[in-house]
């Protein structure tokens, strides 16, 4: 009998399912990686929007007459 069959018999219904990160967390490693990727992308999007808004307010705004900088 091969290792795969022994493992399949030992795990039963859990065979082929990805285990949770921790027994008390209902998230798998793949779900945690996707969440991390999503939050990193969101953070960089926020940083880029913040810089774009700052550039608009600081440099473009006064030349158009939106805000005055003393």
N, C-alpha and C. Protein backbone atom coordinates (compact mmCIF):
# COMPACT_ATOMS: atom_id res chain seq x y z
N UNK A 1 0.85 -1.17 0.00
CA UNK A 1 0.00 0.00 0.00
C UNK A 1 0.90 1.24 0.00
N UNK A 2 0.54 2.23 -0.82
CA UNK A 2 1.34 3.43 -0.92
C UNK A 2 1.02 4.43 0.18
N UNK A 3 1.90 5.40 0.30
CA UNK A 3 1.75 6.43 1.33
C UNK A 3 0.45 7.22 1.15
N UNK A 4 0.09 7.48 -0.09
CA UNK A 4 -1.14 8.24 -0.36
C UNK A 4 -2.38 7.49 0.14
N UNK A 5 -2.43 6.22 -0.09
CA UNK A 5 -3.59 5.43 0.36
C UNK A 5 -3.63 5.36 1.88
N UNK A 6 -2.47 5.21 2.52
CA UNK A 6 -2.44 5.20 3.99
C UNK A 6 -2.92 6.53 4.55
N UNK A 7 -2.48 7.61 3.94
CA UNK A 7 -2.89 8.92 4.40
C UNK A 7 -4.40 9.12 4.19
N UNK A 8 -4.90 8.64 3.06
CA UNK A 8 -6.33 8.77 2.77
C UNK A 8 -7.15 7.98 3.78
N UNK A 9 -6.71 6.80 4.13
CA UNK A 9 -7.43 6.00 5.12
C UNK A 9 -7.35 6.63 6.51
N UNK A 10 -6.22 7.21 6.84
CA UNK A 10 -6.04 7.80 8.17
C UNK A 10 -6.89 9.07 8.33
N UNK A 11 -6.97 9.88 7.27
CA UNK A 11 -7.70 11.15 7.36
C UNK A 11 -9.20 11.00 7.13
N UNK A 12 -9.61 10.01 6.40
CA UNK A 12 -11.04 9.81 6.14
C UNK A 12 -11.62 10.93 5.30
N UNK A 13 -12.67 11.58 5.82
CA UNK A 13 -13.33 12.65 5.06
C UNK A 13 -12.47 13.92 4.96
N UNK A 14 -11.52 14.07 5.82
CA UNK A 14 -10.67 15.26 5.80
C UNK A 14 -9.60 15.19 4.71
N UNK A 15 -9.48 14.06 4.03
CA UNK A 15 -8.46 13.90 2.99
C UNK A 15 -8.73 14.86 1.83
N UNK A 16 -7.74 15.60 1.44
CA UNK A 16 -7.85 16.55 0.33
C UNK A 16 -8.35 17.91 0.74
N UNK A 17 -8.81 18.07 1.95
CA UNK A 17 -9.26 19.38 2.43
C UNK A 17 -8.09 20.10 3.07
N UNK A 18 -8.07 21.38 2.85
CA UNK A 18 -7.00 22.19 3.43
C UNK A 18 -7.27 22.43 4.92
N UNK A 19 -6.27 22.24 5.77
CA UNK A 19 -6.51 22.45 7.21
C UNK A 19 -6.62 23.94 7.55
N UNK A 20 -7.27 24.22 8.67
CA UNK A 20 -7.38 25.60 9.14
C UNK A 20 -6.04 26.08 9.69
N UNK A 21 -5.89 27.40 9.77
CA UNK A 21 -4.67 27.98 10.31
C UNK A 21 -4.49 27.55 11.76
N UNK A 22 -5.54 27.67 12.52
CA UNK A 22 -5.56 27.25 13.92
C UNK A 22 -6.90 26.56 14.16
N UNK A 23 -6.96 25.66 15.13
CA UNK A 23 -8.22 24.96 15.38
C UNK A 23 -9.39 25.89 15.72
N UNK A 24 -9.10 27.02 16.34
CA UNK A 24 -10.16 27.95 16.74
C UNK A 24 -10.45 29.01 15.69
N UNK A 25 -9.69 29.04 14.57
CA UNK A 25 -9.94 29.98 13.48
C UNK A 25 -10.54 29.24 12.30
N UNK A 26 -11.67 29.70 11.78
CA UNK A 26 -12.29 29.00 10.65
C UNK A 26 -11.74 29.43 9.29
N UNK A 27 -10.47 29.76 9.20
CA UNK A 27 -9.87 30.22 7.95
C UNK A 27 -8.75 29.28 7.53
N UNK A 28 -8.69 29.00 6.24
CA UNK A 28 -7.60 28.18 5.71
C UNK A 28 -6.43 29.08 5.33
N UNK A 29 -5.31 28.47 5.05
CA UNK A 29 -4.12 29.24 4.68
C UNK A 29 -4.35 30.00 3.37
N UNK A 30 -5.05 29.38 2.44
CA UNK A 30 -5.34 30.06 1.16
C UNK A 30 -6.22 31.29 1.38
N UNK A 31 -7.23 31.17 2.24
CA UNK A 31 -8.09 32.31 2.53
C UNK A 31 -7.31 33.42 3.22
N UNK A 32 -6.41 33.07 4.12
CA UNK A 32 -5.59 34.07 4.80
C UNK A 32 -4.66 34.77 3.82
N UNK A 33 -4.09 34.02 2.88
CA UNK A 33 -3.21 34.63 1.88
C UNK A 33 -3.99 35.59 0.97
N UNK A 34 -5.21 35.19 0.58
CA UNK A 34 -6.02 36.08 -0.25
C UNK A 34 -6.39 37.35 0.50
N UNK A 35 -6.72 37.23 1.80
CA UNK A 35 -7.05 38.39 2.61
C UNK A 35 -5.85 39.33 2.73
N UNK A 36 -4.67 38.76 2.94
CA UNK A 36 -3.46 39.57 3.04
C UNK A 36 -3.19 40.31 1.73
N UNK A 37 -3.34 39.61 0.62
CA UNK A 37 -3.12 40.25 -0.69
C UNK A 37 -4.12 41.38 -0.92
N UNK A 38 -5.38 41.16 -0.53
CA UNK A 38 -6.41 42.17 -0.70
C UNK A 38 -6.12 43.40 0.16
N UNK A 39 -5.71 43.20 1.41
CA UNK A 39 -5.45 44.35 2.28
C UNK A 39 -4.21 45.12 1.85
N UNK A 40 -3.20 44.42 1.35
CA UNK A 40 -2.01 45.12 0.84
C UNK A 40 -2.36 45.96 -0.37
N UNK A 41 -3.17 45.39 -1.27
CA UNK A 41 -3.60 46.15 -2.45
C UNK A 41 -4.42 47.37 -2.04
N UNK A 42 -5.31 47.19 -1.07
CA UNK A 42 -6.12 48.31 -0.58
C UNK A 42 -5.28 49.39 0.07
N UNK A 43 -4.26 48.98 0.83
CA UNK A 43 -3.39 49.96 1.48
C UNK A 43 -2.63 50.78 0.44
N UNK A 44 -2.08 50.13 -0.57
CA UNK A 44 -1.35 50.85 -1.60
C UNK A 44 -2.27 51.77 -2.40
N UNK A 45 -3.49 51.32 -2.64
CA UNK A 45 -4.47 52.18 -3.33
C UNK A 45 -4.75 53.43 -2.50
N UNK A 46 -4.91 53.26 -1.20
CA UNK A 46 -5.14 54.40 -0.32
C UNK A 46 -3.96 55.36 -0.30
N UNK A 47 -2.75 54.82 -0.27
CA UNK A 47 -1.55 55.67 -0.28
C UNK A 47 -1.48 56.48 -1.57
N UNK A 48 -1.74 55.82 -2.69
CA UNK A 48 -1.69 56.52 -3.99
C UNK A 48 -2.76 57.61 -4.05
N UNK A 49 -3.96 57.32 -3.58
CA UNK A 49 -5.02 58.34 -3.58
C UNK A 49 -4.69 59.50 -2.64
N UNK A 50 -4.07 59.20 -1.50
CA UNK A 50 -3.67 60.25 -0.57
C UNK A 50 -2.62 61.17 -1.21
N UNK A 51 -1.64 60.59 -1.88
CA UNK A 51 -0.61 61.40 -2.55
C UNK A 51 -1.22 62.23 -3.67
N UNK A 52 -2.13 61.63 -4.43
CA UNK A 52 -2.79 62.37 -5.52
C UNK A 52 -3.60 63.54 -4.97
N UNK A 53 -4.32 63.31 -3.88
CA UNK A 53 -5.10 64.39 -3.27
C UNK A 53 -4.18 65.48 -2.73
N UNK A 54 -3.08 65.09 -2.10
CA UNK A 54 -2.14 66.08 -1.56
C UNK A 54 -1.54 66.91 -2.68
N UNK A 55 -1.13 66.25 -3.76
CA UNK A 55 -0.57 67.01 -4.89
C UNK A 55 -1.59 67.97 -5.48
N UNK A 56 -2.82 67.53 -5.59
CA UNK A 56 -3.87 68.39 -6.13
C UNK A 56 -4.10 69.60 -5.24
N UNK A 57 -4.23 69.36 -3.94
CA UNK A 57 -4.50 70.46 -3.02
C UNK A 57 -3.30 71.38 -2.90
N UNK A 58 -2.11 70.82 -2.85
CA UNK A 58 -0.91 71.64 -2.59
C UNK A 58 -0.44 72.42 -3.80
N UNK A 59 -0.44 71.81 -4.98
CA UNK A 59 0.15 72.46 -6.15
C UNK A 59 -0.88 72.90 -7.19
N UNK A 60 -1.81 72.08 -7.52
CA UNK A 60 -2.76 72.41 -8.59
C UNK A 60 -3.85 73.35 -8.06
N UNK A 61 -4.31 73.11 -6.83
CA UNK A 61 -5.38 73.93 -6.26
C UNK A 61 -5.09 75.41 -6.24
N UNK A 62 -3.95 75.85 -5.71
CA UNK A 62 -3.68 77.30 -5.68
C UNK A 62 -3.55 77.94 -7.06
N UNK A 63 -3.05 77.19 -8.03
CA UNK A 63 -2.92 77.79 -9.37
C UNK A 63 -4.28 77.97 -10.02
N UNK A 64 -5.24 77.12 -9.68
CA UNK A 64 -6.58 77.24 -10.23
C UNK A 64 -7.42 78.20 -9.40
N UNK A 65 -7.01 78.43 -8.15
CA UNK A 65 -7.71 79.36 -7.28
C UNK A 65 -8.64 78.67 -6.30
N UNK A 66 -8.47 77.36 -6.08
CA UNK A 66 -9.33 76.65 -5.14
C UNK A 66 -9.00 77.00 -3.71
N UNK A 67 -7.72 76.87 -3.36
CA UNK A 67 -7.29 77.14 -2.01
C UNK A 67 -6.10 78.08 -2.07
N UNK A 68 -5.94 78.84 -1.01
CA UNK A 68 -4.78 79.71 -0.96
C UNK A 68 -3.85 79.19 0.14
N UNK A 69 -2.57 79.22 -0.17
CA UNK A 69 -1.55 78.78 0.79
C UNK A 69 -0.78 80.00 1.22
N UNK A 70 -0.72 80.24 2.52
CA UNK A 70 -0.03 81.44 3.02
C UNK A 70 1.43 81.16 3.20
